[in-house]
Protein backbone atom coordinates (compact mmCIF):
# COMPACT_ATOMS: atom_id res chain seq x y z
CA MET A 1 -16.47 -5.46 -12.44
CA ALA A 2 -13.18 -5.74 -10.53
CA ASP A 3 -12.76 -3.91 -7.25
CA GLN A 4 -10.58 -0.85 -7.94
CA THR A 5 -9.06 -1.11 -4.46
CA GLU A 6 -7.87 -4.62 -5.27
CA ASP A 7 -6.35 -3.23 -8.49
CA LEU A 8 -4.39 -0.73 -6.40
CA THR A 9 -3.30 -3.44 -3.99
CA SER A 10 -1.96 -5.93 -6.50
CA GLU A 11 0.83 -3.68 -7.69
CA TYR A 12 2.10 -2.95 -4.17
CA LEU A 13 1.70 -6.28 -2.36
CA ASN A 14 5.47 -6.68 -2.11
CA GLY A 15 6.28 -3.11 -1.15
CA PHE A 16 7.44 -0.15 -3.16
CA LYS A 17 10.26 -0.05 -5.72
CA SER A 18 11.50 3.37 -4.61
CA TRP A 19 10.69 6.36 -2.40
CA SER A 20 9.12 8.15 -5.38
CA ASP A 21 6.96 5.07 -6.05
CA TYR A 22 5.70 5.24 -2.45
CA GLU A 23 5.10 9.01 -2.64
CA TYR A 24 3.17 8.63 -5.88
CA PHE A 25 0.99 5.92 -4.38
CA ARG A 26 0.38 7.82 -1.13
CA ARG A 27 -0.83 10.89 -3.06
CA LEU A 28 -2.99 8.71 -5.27
CA VAL A 29 -4.74 7.14 -2.26
CA GLU A 30 -5.11 10.49 -0.48
CA HIS A 31 -6.88 11.96 -3.50
CA ARG A 32 -9.18 9.02 -4.26
CA THR A 33 -12.70 9.94 -3.10
CA GLU A 34 -13.52 6.38 -2.03
CA PHE A 35 -10.85 6.56 0.72
CA GLU A 36 -11.00 8.54 3.93
CA SER A 37 -8.07 8.94 6.28
CA ILE A 38 -8.70 7.59 9.78
CA PRO A 39 -6.51 7.51 12.92
CA VAL A 40 -4.00 4.68 13.28
CA ARG A 41 -5.13 2.46 16.17
CA SER A 42 -2.23 0.03 16.33
CA HIS A 43 1.04 0.29 14.50
CA TYR A 44 2.39 -2.32 12.10
CA SER A 45 5.73 -2.19 13.85
CA ASN A 46 7.12 -0.61 16.99
CA VAL A 47 10.27 0.42 15.09
CA GLY A 48 8.98 3.89 14.28
CA HIS A 49 7.74 3.53 10.72
CA VAL A 50 5.41 6.31 9.57
CA GLU A 51 1.97 4.82 9.00
CA PHE A 52 -1.40 5.96 7.64
CA TRP A 53 -4.78 4.23 7.68
CA PHE A 54 -7.48 4.66 5.05
CA ARG A 55 -11.05 3.37 5.12
CA ASP A 56 -12.53 2.32 1.80
CA LYS A 57 -16.01 3.85 1.95
CA ARG A 58 -17.44 1.29 -0.46
CA SER A 59 -16.28 -1.90 1.24
CA ASN A 60 -15.64 -0.48 4.74
CA ARG A 61 -12.25 -2.23 4.74
CA VAL A 62 -9.40 -0.43 6.43
CA TRP A 63 -6.03 -0.34 4.72
CA ARG A 64 -2.65 0.55 6.19
CA LEU A 65 0.08 2.35 4.31
CA VAL A 66 3.51 2.12 5.91
CA GLU A 67 6.32 4.17 4.44
CA PRO A 68 9.49 2.39 3.36
CA ASP A 69 12.69 2.53 5.38
CA ALA A 70 15.41 0.41 3.77
CA PRO A 71 15.69 -2.49 3.77
CA PHE A 72 11.93 -2.51 4.53
CA ARG A 73 10.12 -1.70 1.28
CA GLY A 74 6.93 -0.34 2.85
CA LEU A 75 3.49 -1.87 3.02
CA TRP A 76 -0.05 -1.47 1.63
CA ALA A 77 -2.34 -4.07 3.21
CA VAL A 78 -5.73 -4.62 4.82
CA VAL A 79 -5.67 -4.06 8.58
CA PRO A 80 -6.64 -7.33 10.35
CA ALA A 81 -9.99 -7.15 12.16
CA ASN A 82 -8.38 -7.74 15.59
CA GLU A 83 -6.41 -4.48 15.18
CA LEU A 84 -9.56 -2.46 14.53
CA GLN A 85 -10.89 -2.97 18.08
């Protein structure tokens, strides 16, 4: 059986198509029971992007969701282990 988190990731690897696409995805993740919101420990960028972190309770992986700010299309990616310290 495929990992549902990976299914979520594949569609958004290259960012979001629009602000509404990002908003839809953010609400989806926030309402999925396998995710819990955790504090951001290190930011993706020091440019001021709004960022959220979510821990997948099943795999214990931590994902970052960074909101888009044109021309940056936003980001949904696993947080590297060195940033979790």
